[in-house]
Amino acid sequence: MIQSQNKVRINSSSSTMSDLVFLLLIFFMITSTLISPNAVKLLLPESNSKTMAKQNVTVYIDDQYAFQVNDTRVLPEMLEPTISSYIEPGISDACVVLRADKTVPVQYVVNVIDAVNAINDKSGAKHKVILATSPKK
């Protein structure tokens, strides 16, 4: 009887697979921490309205009542010049989208509206303020 010298092994090593999974886990953990959205996290008020507009400037008011115009943090007294600097010259009907946390008192919203109205009075423009909301559940 002739026996074969080459035997097929059915065993497989799981250590290489676990190394691969571990490396993938590290890769995804590192890349997920590098991705940081530039938007402010807010709980927007809810509404059934579906009004959409082209936004020229976005003003954020977070739950700490801090103002941010696009990517720039500003003091309340600097809202008007900062918003005005983000509106391109020659545009007379820009939309200022206000994204205020739903816990923000109305006075802070009125401060933004007053700043845009002051810009309108100085330039003779008709810029609008639109309050951003999230859809009702």
N, C-alpha and C. Protein backbone atom coordinates (compact mmCIF):
# COMPACT_ATOMS: atom_id res chain seq x y z
N MET A 1 0.82 -1.16 0.00
CA MET A 1 0.00 0.00 0.00
C MET A 1 0.88 1.24 0.00
N ILE A 2 0.55 2.17 -0.88
CA ILE A 2 1.33 3.40 -1.01
C ILE A 2 0.58 4.52 -0.29
N GLN A 3 1.30 5.17 0.59
CA GLN A 3 0.70 6.29 1.31
C GLN A 3 1.29 7.60 0.80
N SER A 4 0.44 8.58 0.77
CA SER A 4 0.89 9.88 0.28
C SER A 4 1.61 10.64 1.38
N GLN A 5 2.66 11.36 1.00
CA GLN A 5 3.45 12.13 1.95
C GLN A 5 2.79 13.48 2.26
N ASN A 6 2.02 14.00 1.32
CA ASN A 6 1.39 15.32 1.50
C ASN A 6 0.00 15.14 2.09
N LYS A 7 -0.20 15.69 3.24
CA LYS A 7 -1.51 15.64 3.87
C LYS A 7 -2.09 17.06 3.90
N VAL A 8 -3.35 17.15 3.63
CA VAL A 8 -4.03 18.44 3.63
C VAL A 8 -4.46 18.76 5.06
N ARG A 9 -4.09 19.97 5.50
CA ARG A 9 -4.49 20.41 6.83
C ARG A 9 -5.74 21.27 6.72
N ILE A 10 -6.69 20.96 7.52
CA ILE A 10 -7.95 21.71 7.52
C ILE A 10 -7.90 22.84 8.55
N ASN A 11 -7.01 22.81 9.46
CA ASN A 11 -6.90 23.84 10.50
C ASN A 11 -6.48 25.17 9.89
N SER A 12 -7.08 26.24 10.40
CA SER A 12 -6.67 27.58 9.97
C SER A 12 -6.38 28.42 11.20
N SER A 13 -5.46 29.32 11.05
CA SER A 13 -5.06 30.16 12.16
C SER A 13 -5.97 31.38 12.23
N SER A 14 -6.55 31.61 13.37
CA SER A 14 -7.43 32.76 13.53
C SER A 14 -6.68 33.99 14.02
N SER A 15 -5.42 33.86 14.31
CA SER A 15 -4.66 35.01 14.82
C SER A 15 -4.49 36.08 13.75
N THR A 16 -4.32 35.70 12.50
CA THR A 16 -4.17 36.71 11.45
C THR A 16 -5.48 37.46 11.23
N MET A 17 -6.59 36.76 11.33
CA MET A 17 -7.90 37.41 11.17
C MET A 17 -8.15 38.40 12.31
N SER A 18 -7.81 38.03 13.51
CA SER A 18 -8.02 38.94 14.65
C SER A 18 -7.09 40.15 14.55
N ASP A 19 -5.88 39.96 14.03
CA ASP A 19 -4.98 41.09 13.81
C ASP A 19 -5.58 42.07 12.79
N LEU A 20 -6.14 41.53 11.74
CA LEU A 20 -6.75 42.36 10.70
C LEU A 20 -7.94 43.14 11.26
N VAL A 21 -8.79 42.48 12.02
CA VAL A 21 -9.95 43.16 12.62
C VAL A 21 -9.48 44.24 13.58
N PHE A 22 -8.47 43.97 14.36
CA PHE A 22 -7.94 44.94 15.30
C PHE A 22 -7.39 46.17 14.57
N LEU A 23 -6.66 45.96 13.49
CA LEU A 23 -6.13 47.08 12.72
C LEU A 23 -7.24 47.91 12.08
N LEU A 24 -8.26 47.24 11.58
CA LEU A 24 -9.40 47.98 11.02
C LEU A 24 -10.11 48.79 12.09
N LEU A 25 -10.26 48.22 13.26
CA LEU A 25 -10.89 48.93 14.36
C LEU A 25 -10.11 50.19 14.72
N ILE A 26 -8.81 50.08 14.81
CA ILE A 26 -7.97 51.24 15.12
C ILE A 26 -8.07 52.29 14.01
N PHE A 27 -8.06 51.84 12.76
CA PHE A 27 -8.16 52.76 11.63
C PHE A 27 -9.46 53.56 11.70
N PHE A 28 -10.60 52.89 11.92
CA PHE A 28 -11.88 53.59 11.95
C PHE A 28 -12.02 54.48 13.17
N MET A 29 -11.43 54.10 14.28
CA MET A 29 -11.48 54.96 15.46
C MET A 29 -10.69 56.25 15.22
N ILE A 30 -9.55 56.15 14.60
CA ILE A 30 -8.73 57.33 14.35
C ILE A 30 -9.39 58.23 13.31
N THR A 31 -9.90 57.66 12.24
CA THR A 31 -10.50 58.50 11.20
C THR A 31 -11.81 59.12 11.67
N SER A 32 -12.56 58.47 12.54
CA SER A 32 -13.81 59.06 13.01
C SER A 32 -13.56 60.23 13.93
N THR A 33 -12.45 60.24 14.66
CA THR A 33 -12.15 61.39 15.52
C THR A 33 -11.60 62.56 14.73
N LEU A 34 -11.08 62.31 13.54
CA LEU A 34 -10.57 63.39 12.71
C LEU A 34 -11.68 64.15 12.01
N ILE A 35 -12.83 63.52 11.84
CA ILE A 35 -13.95 64.15 11.17
C ILE A 35 -14.72 64.95 12.21
N SER A 36 -14.68 66.26 12.08
CA SER A 36 -15.42 67.10 13.02
C SER A 36 -16.28 68.07 12.22
N PRO A 37 -17.58 67.98 12.35
CA PRO A 37 -18.44 68.88 11.60
C PRO A 37 -18.27 70.30 12.12
N ASN A 38 -18.37 71.28 11.22
CA ASN A 38 -18.19 72.66 11.63
C ASN A 38 -19.49 73.30 12.07
N ALA A 39 -20.55 72.54 12.12
CA ALA A 39 -21.83 73.08 12.54
C ALA A 39 -21.96 73.01 14.05
N VAL A 40 -22.76 73.92 14.58
CA VAL A 40 -23.03 73.96 16.01
C VAL A 40 -24.17 72.99 16.29
N LYS A 41 -24.03 72.17 17.33
CA LYS A 41 -25.08 71.22 17.66
C LYS A 41 -26.20 71.95 18.41
N LEU A 42 -27.39 71.91 17.84
CA LEU A 42 -28.53 72.61 18.41
C LEU A 42 -29.75 71.70 18.40
N LEU A 43 -30.63 71.95 19.34
CA LEU A 43 -31.96 71.35 19.31
C LEU A 43 -32.89 72.42 18.76
N LEU A 44 -33.20 72.33 17.49
CA LEU A 44 -34.02 73.35 16.84
C LEU A 44 -35.48 73.18 17.24
N PRO A 45 -36.24 74.28 17.26
CA PRO A 45 -37.68 74.16 17.51
C PRO A 45 -38.33 73.38 16.38
N GLU A 46 -39.45 72.73 16.67
CA GLU A 46 -40.12 71.91 15.66
C GLU A 46 -41.23 72.70 14.98
N SER A 47 -41.45 72.38 13.70
CA SER A 47 -42.46 73.07 12.92
C SER A 47 -42.94 72.18 11.79
N ASN A 48 -44.15 72.44 11.31
CA ASN A 48 -44.68 71.74 10.15
C ASN A 48 -44.31 72.46 8.85
N SER A 49 -43.80 73.68 8.95
CA SER A 49 -43.47 74.49 7.80
C SER A 49 -42.30 73.90 7.03
N LYS A 50 -42.35 73.99 5.70
CA LYS A 50 -41.28 73.46 4.86
C LYS A 50 -40.72 74.54 3.96
N THR A 51 -40.58 75.76 4.47
CA THR A 51 -40.04 76.86 3.68
C THR A 51 -38.54 76.68 3.50
N MET A 52 -38.10 76.74 2.27
CA MET A 52 -36.67 76.61 1.96
C MET A 52 -36.22 77.92 1.31
N ALA A 53 -35.02 78.34 1.64
CA ALA A 53 -34.48 79.56 1.04
C ALA A 53 -32.98 79.39 0.84
N LYS A 54 -32.46 80.14 -0.11
CA LYS A 54 -31.02 80.15 -0.32
C LYS A 54 -30.40 80.96 0.81
N GLN A 55 -29.51 80.35 1.53
CA GLN A 55 -28.94 81.05 2.67
C GLN A 55 -27.63 81.73 2.29
N ASN A 56 -27.54 83.00 2.64
CA ASN A 56 -26.31 83.74 2.42
C ASN A 56 -25.46 83.77 3.68
N VAL A 57 -26.11 83.93 4.83
CA VAL A 57 -25.43 84.01 6.11
C VAL A 57 -26.20 83.13 7.10
N THR A 58 -25.47 82.43 7.96
CA THR A 58 -26.10 81.62 9.00
C THR A 58 -25.64 82.14 10.35
N VAL A 59 -26.61 82.41 11.22
CA VAL A 59 -26.33 82.85 12.58
C VAL A 59 -26.79 81.75 13.52
N TYR A 60 -25.88 81.33 14.41
CA TYR A 60 -26.18 80.30 15.38
C TYR A 60 -26.28 80.93 16.76
N ILE A 61 -27.25 80.47 17.56
CA ILE A 61 -27.31 80.81 18.98
C ILE A 61 -27.41 79.49 19.71
N ASP A 62 -26.38 79.15 20.48
CA ASP A 62 -26.39 77.85 21.17
C ASP A 62 -27.09 77.95 22.52
N ASP A 63 -27.13 76.84 23.24
CA ASP A 63 -27.84 76.80 24.51
C ASP A 63 -27.15 77.60 25.61
N GLN A 64 -25.93 78.08 25.34
CA GLN A 64 -25.22 78.96 26.28
C GLN A 64 -25.40 80.43 25.88
N TYR A 65 -26.27 80.68 24.90
CA TYR A 65 -26.60 82.01 24.38
C TYR A 65 -25.40 82.69 23.72
N ALA A 66 -24.52 81.91 23.14
CA ALA A 66 -23.37 82.44 22.42
C ALA A 66 -23.74 82.56 20.94
N PHE A 67 -23.34 83.67 20.33
CA PHE A 67 -23.64 83.93 18.93
C PHE A 67 -22.46 83.50 18.07
N GLN A 68 -22.80 82.95 16.89
CA GLN A 68 -21.79 82.58 15.91
C GLN A 68 -22.34 82.91 14.54
N VAL A 69 -21.59 83.69 13.77
CA VAL A 69 -21.99 84.04 12.40
C VAL A 69 -21.10 83.23 11.47
N ASN A 70 -21.72 82.33 10.71
CA ASN A 70 -21.02 81.33 9.89
C ASN A 70 -20.01 80.60 10.77
N ASP A 71 -18.73 80.86 10.66
CA ASP A 71 -17.73 80.16 11.46
C ASP A 71 -17.09 81.06 12.52
N THR A 72 -17.62 82.26 12.72
CA THR A 72 -16.99 83.24 13.61
C THR A 72 -17.85 83.48 14.84
N ARG A 73 -17.27 83.28 16.02
CA ARG A 73 -17.97 83.63 17.27
C ARG A 73 -17.94 85.14 17.43
N VAL A 74 -19.08 85.71 17.80
CA VAL A 74 -19.17 87.16 17.94
C VAL A 74 -19.91 87.52 19.22
N LEU A 75 -19.64 88.70 19.71
CA LEU A 75 -20.38 89.27 20.83
C LEU A 75 -21.68 89.85 20.30
N PRO A 76 -22.71 89.95 21.13
CA PRO A 76 -24.01 90.47 20.64
C PRO A 76 -23.90 91.86 20.01
N GLU A 77 -23.03 92.72 20.55
CA GLU A 77 -22.90 94.07 19.99
C GLU A 77 -22.18 94.09 18.65
N MET A 78 -21.53 92.98 18.27
CA MET A 78 -20.82 92.90 17.00
C MET A 78 -21.62 92.16 15.93
N LEU A 79 -22.88 91.83 16.21
CA LEU A 79 -23.70 91.09 15.24
C LEU A 79 -23.86 91.88 13.94
N GLU A 80 -24.25 93.13 14.05
CA GLU A 80 -24.54 93.92 12.85
C GLU A 80 -23.35 94.03 11.91
N PRO A 81 -22.16 94.47 12.38
CA PRO A 81 -21.04 94.56 11.42
C PRO A 81 -20.58 93.20 10.90
N THR A 82 -20.69 92.16 11.72
CA THR A 82 -20.24 90.84 11.28
C THR A 82 -21.18 90.28 10.22
N ILE A 83 -22.49 90.38 10.46
CA ILE A 83 -23.45 89.90 9.46
C ILE A 83 -23.29 90.70 8.17
N SER A 84 -23.12 92.01 8.30
CA SER A 84 -22.95 92.88 7.13
C SER A 84 -21.71 92.49 6.32
N SER A 85 -20.65 92.09 7.01
CA SER A 85 -19.42 91.72 6.29
C SER A 85 -19.58 90.42 5.51
N TYR A 86 -20.49 89.54 5.94
CA TYR A 86 -20.70 88.27 5.23
C TYR A 86 -21.66 88.41 4.05
N ILE A 87 -22.42 89.48 4.00
CA ILE A 87 -23.34 89.69 2.87
C ILE A 87 -22.55 90.35 1.74
N GLU A 88 -22.58 89.72 0.58
CA GLU A 88 -21.82 90.23 -0.56
C GLU A 88 -22.37 91.59 -1.01
N PRO A 89 -21.48 92.50 -1.38
CA PRO A 89 -21.95 93.80 -1.88
C PRO A 89 -22.80 93.63 -3.14
N GLY A 90 -23.82 94.43 -3.24
CA GLY A 90 -24.69 94.36 -4.41
C GLY A 90 -25.90 93.47 -4.21
N ILE A 91 -25.90 92.64 -3.18
CA ILE A 91 -27.07 91.79 -2.91
C ILE A 91 -28.01 92.58 -2.01
N SER A 92 -29.24 92.76 -2.48
CA SER A 92 -30.20 93.56 -1.71
C SER A 92 -31.27 92.71 -1.02
N ASP A 93 -31.24 91.41 -1.26
CA ASP A 93 -32.28 90.56 -0.66
C ASP A 93 -31.67 89.25 -0.11
N ALA A 94 -30.65 89.39 0.70
CA ALA A 94 -29.99 88.21 1.27
C ALA A 94 -30.88 87.57 2.33
N CYS A 95 -30.66 86.29 2.53
CA CYS A 95 -31.38 85.55 3.57
C CYS A 95 -30.40 85.23 4.70
N VAL A 96 -30.77 85.65 5.89
CA VAL A 96 -30.00 85.34 7.08
C VAL A 96 -30.76 84.23 7.80
N VAL A 97 -30.16 83.03 7.82
CA VAL A 97 -30.81 81.89 8.46
C VAL A 97 -30.39 81.87 9.92
N LEU A 98 -31.37 81.91 10.80
CA LEU A 98 -31.12 81.90 12.24
C LEU A 98 -31.37 80.51 12.77
N ARG A 99 -30.32 79.89 13.29
CA ARG A 99 -30.41 78.56 13.88
C ARG A 99 -30.21 78.72 15.38
N ALA A 100 -31.33 78.87 16.09
CA ALA A 100 -31.28 79.08 17.54
C ALA A 100 -31.76 77.82 18.25
N ASP A 101 -31.07 77.46 19.31
CA ASP A 101 -31.49 76.34 20.14
C ASP A 101 -32.89 76.64 20.68
N LYS A 102 -33.71 75.62 20.86
CA LYS A 102 -35.09 75.87 21.27
C LYS A 102 -35.21 76.36 22.70
N THR A 103 -34.12 76.33 23.47
CA THR A 103 -34.15 76.84 24.83
C THR A 103 -33.75 78.30 24.92
N VAL A 104 -33.37 78.91 23.81
CA VAL A 104 -32.92 80.30 23.80
C VAL A 104 -34.11 81.24 23.98
N PRO A 105 -33.99 82.20 24.91
CA PRO A 105 -35.08 83.18 25.07
C PRO A 105 -35.29 84.01 23.81
N VAL A 106 -36.50 84.52 23.64
CA VAL A 106 -36.88 85.26 22.44
C VAL A 106 -36.03 86.51 22.26
N GLN A 107 -35.57 87.11 23.34
CA GLN A 107 -34.79 88.34 23.23
C GLN A 107 -33.53 88.16 22.38
N TYR A 108 -32.90 87.00 22.44
CA TYR A 108 -31.70 86.75 21.65
C TYR A 108 -32.05 86.65 20.17
N VAL A 109 -33.20 86.10 19.86
CA VAL A 109 -33.67 86.04 18.47
C VAL A 109 -33.96 87.45 17.97
N VAL A 110 -34.57 88.26 18.83
CA VAL A 110 -34.89 89.64 18.47
C VAL A 110 -33.60 90.45 18.24
N ASN A 111 -32.55 90.15 18.98
CA ASN A 111 -31.26 90.84 18.78
C ASN A 111 -30.75 90.63 17.35
N VAL A 112 -30.89 89.41 16.83
CA VAL A 112 -30.44 89.12 15.47
C VAL A 112 -31.33 89.85 14.46
N ILE A 113 -32.64 89.83 14.70
CA ILE A 113 -33.57 90.53 13.79
C ILE A 113 -33.28 92.02 13.79
N ASP A 114 -33.01 92.60 14.97
CA ASP A 114 -32.67 94.02 15.05
C ASP A 114 -31.39 94.35 14.28
N ALA A 115 -30.39 93.47 14.38
CA ALA A 115 -29.14 93.69 13.66
C ALA A 115 -29.37 93.70 12.16
N VAL A 116 -30.18 92.76 11.66
CA VAL A 116 -30.47 92.71 10.22
C VAL A 116 -31.30 93.92 9.80
N ASN A 117 -32.25 94.34 10.64
CA ASN A 117 -33.04 95.53 10.33
C ASN A 117 -32.17 96.78 10.29
N ALA A 118 -31.17 96.86 11.16
CA ALA A 118 -30.25 98.00 11.15
C ALA A 118 -29.43 98.02 9.86
N ILE A 119 -29.02 96.83 9.41
CA ILE A 119 -28.30 96.75 8.13
C ILE A 119 -29.20 97.20 6.99
N ASN A 120 -30.47 96.78 7.02
CA ASN A 120 -31.43 97.18 5.99
C ASN A 120 -31.63 98.70 5.98
N ASP A 121 -31.72 99.30 7.17
CA ASP A 121 -31.93 100.75 7.26
C ASP A 121 -30.74 101.53 6.70
N LYS A 122 -29.53 101.03 6.97
CA LYS A 122 -28.32 101.73 6.52
C LYS A 122 -28.10 101.58 5.01
N SER A 123 -28.42 100.39 4.48
CA SER A 123 -28.10 100.13 3.07
C SER A 123 -29.30 100.23 2.15
N GLY A 124 -30.49 100.35 2.70
CA GLY A 124 -31.70 100.38 1.86
C GLY A 124 -32.03 99.03 1.26
N ALA A 125 -31.48 97.96 1.84
CA ALA A 125 -31.72 96.61 1.33
C ALA A 125 -32.95 95.99 1.99
N LYS A 126 -33.29 94.79 1.53
CA LYS A 126 -34.43 94.06 2.09
C LYS A 126 -34.00 92.66 2.48
N HIS A 127 -32.99 92.58 3.34
CA HIS A 127 -32.53 91.28 3.81
C HIS A 127 -33.58 90.68 4.74
N LYS A 128 -33.69 89.35 4.71
CA LYS A 128 -34.69 88.64 5.51
C LYS A 128 -34.01 87.76 6.55
N VAL A 129 -34.72 87.55 7.65
CA VAL A 129 -34.27 86.60 8.66
C VAL A 129 -35.24 85.43 8.63
N ILE A 130 -34.69 84.23 8.50
CA ILE A 130 -35.51 83.02 8.47
C ILE A 130 -35.09 82.16 9.65
N LEU A 131 -36.05 81.73 10.45
CA LEU A 131 -35.77 80.88 11.60
C LEU A 131 -35.77 79.43 11.16
N ALA A 132 -34.65 78.76 11.38
CA ALA A 132 -34.52 77.35 11.01
C ALA A 132 -35.23 76.49 12.05
N THR A 133 -35.93 75.47 11.59
CA THR A 133 -36.64 74.55 12.48
C THR A 133 -36.36 73.13 12.04
N SER A 134 -36.70 72.19 12.91
CA SER A 134 -36.62 70.79 12.54
C SER A 134 -38.03 70.28 12.33
N PRO A 135 -38.22 69.25 11.52
CA PRO A 135 -39.57 68.73 11.26
C PRO A 135 -40.17 68.09 12.51
N LYS A 136 -41.49 68.24 12.64
CA LYS A 136 -42.18 67.61 13.77
C LYS A 136 -42.16 66.10 13.59
N LYS A 137 -42.09 65.41 14.70
CA LYS A 137 -42.04 63.95 14.65
C LYS A 137 -43.42 63.36 14.71
